């Protein structure tokens, strides 16, 4: 039972990271109908930016986190303005190739700037352990779970009670109708990209104390994409639930399954979901009003 609980907590922690990255996929897709396959690499850049602020420049951890989130938000707006805005109205395949190309560029740039050797971020929680009987939980894992809960609560309040959040929901449902009632759709697109990159940066900061960071860590975005599909690609709660399912399944497959099953568990889940429920667990039919 202790082993099961230990795996469950590790799976929830890992699933929270997948869920946060999946949130970025869903946010951009809902608002712009684009799929950003560079989301995992943006998470990787966020982790390296945090490493620069905290380890290299010596900023206090909290200030380094805030500076990283702000920096990546601005970076997201620049990506949208310089690369993606010109693709509005183009075929989805063209946009897909742009984001894949951006991912290659981000990985190459990270390797050139920070090198390819794994690095870790100095965190006040590093090495801390909570013991409950025979159960041992690292403070880093608790921070990932708690940080994800705080971010999800903040996003819920933002979309539920702020004018900007409501405008973003309106834009995601019907861009043309939102434009006709005076919502600045292009500005909303920039803000969505900023928010998505900020969330990806938060995921990178949370995962860095748990595992070392290097330019290839962004490939976990593929598993986050699987999480978004499992939860329903248009659902924010579904992204988190899908991340938890993928993370927990990966941990249990690694212990109880054959060798290598942990690495393919996410892809097995996505194939099963596409056969059983292609629209995802939280699929909803939205009625657009004009």
Foldseek 3Di string as FASTA:
>chain_A
DLVLVQLLLQLLLQLLLLLLLLLLQQLLCLQQVAGQLLSLLLLLVLLVQLQCVCVVVPDPNVVSLVVSLQVQLVVLLCCCVPPPVVCRPPDNVVRVVSNVVVNVVSLVVQCVPVNFDWDFGDDPQQPAWDDDPPHIDGVLSVCSNVVSVVVVVVLVCCLPPDPLNVLSNLSSQPVVVSVVVPRPSSVNSSNSSSVSSSSSSVSSNSCRSVDTRGSPSSVCNVLSNLQCQQLFSNDSVSSSVSSSVLSSQLSVCCVPNDPPCSVCVSVVSSVVCCVPPRRHDPRDDDDRDD
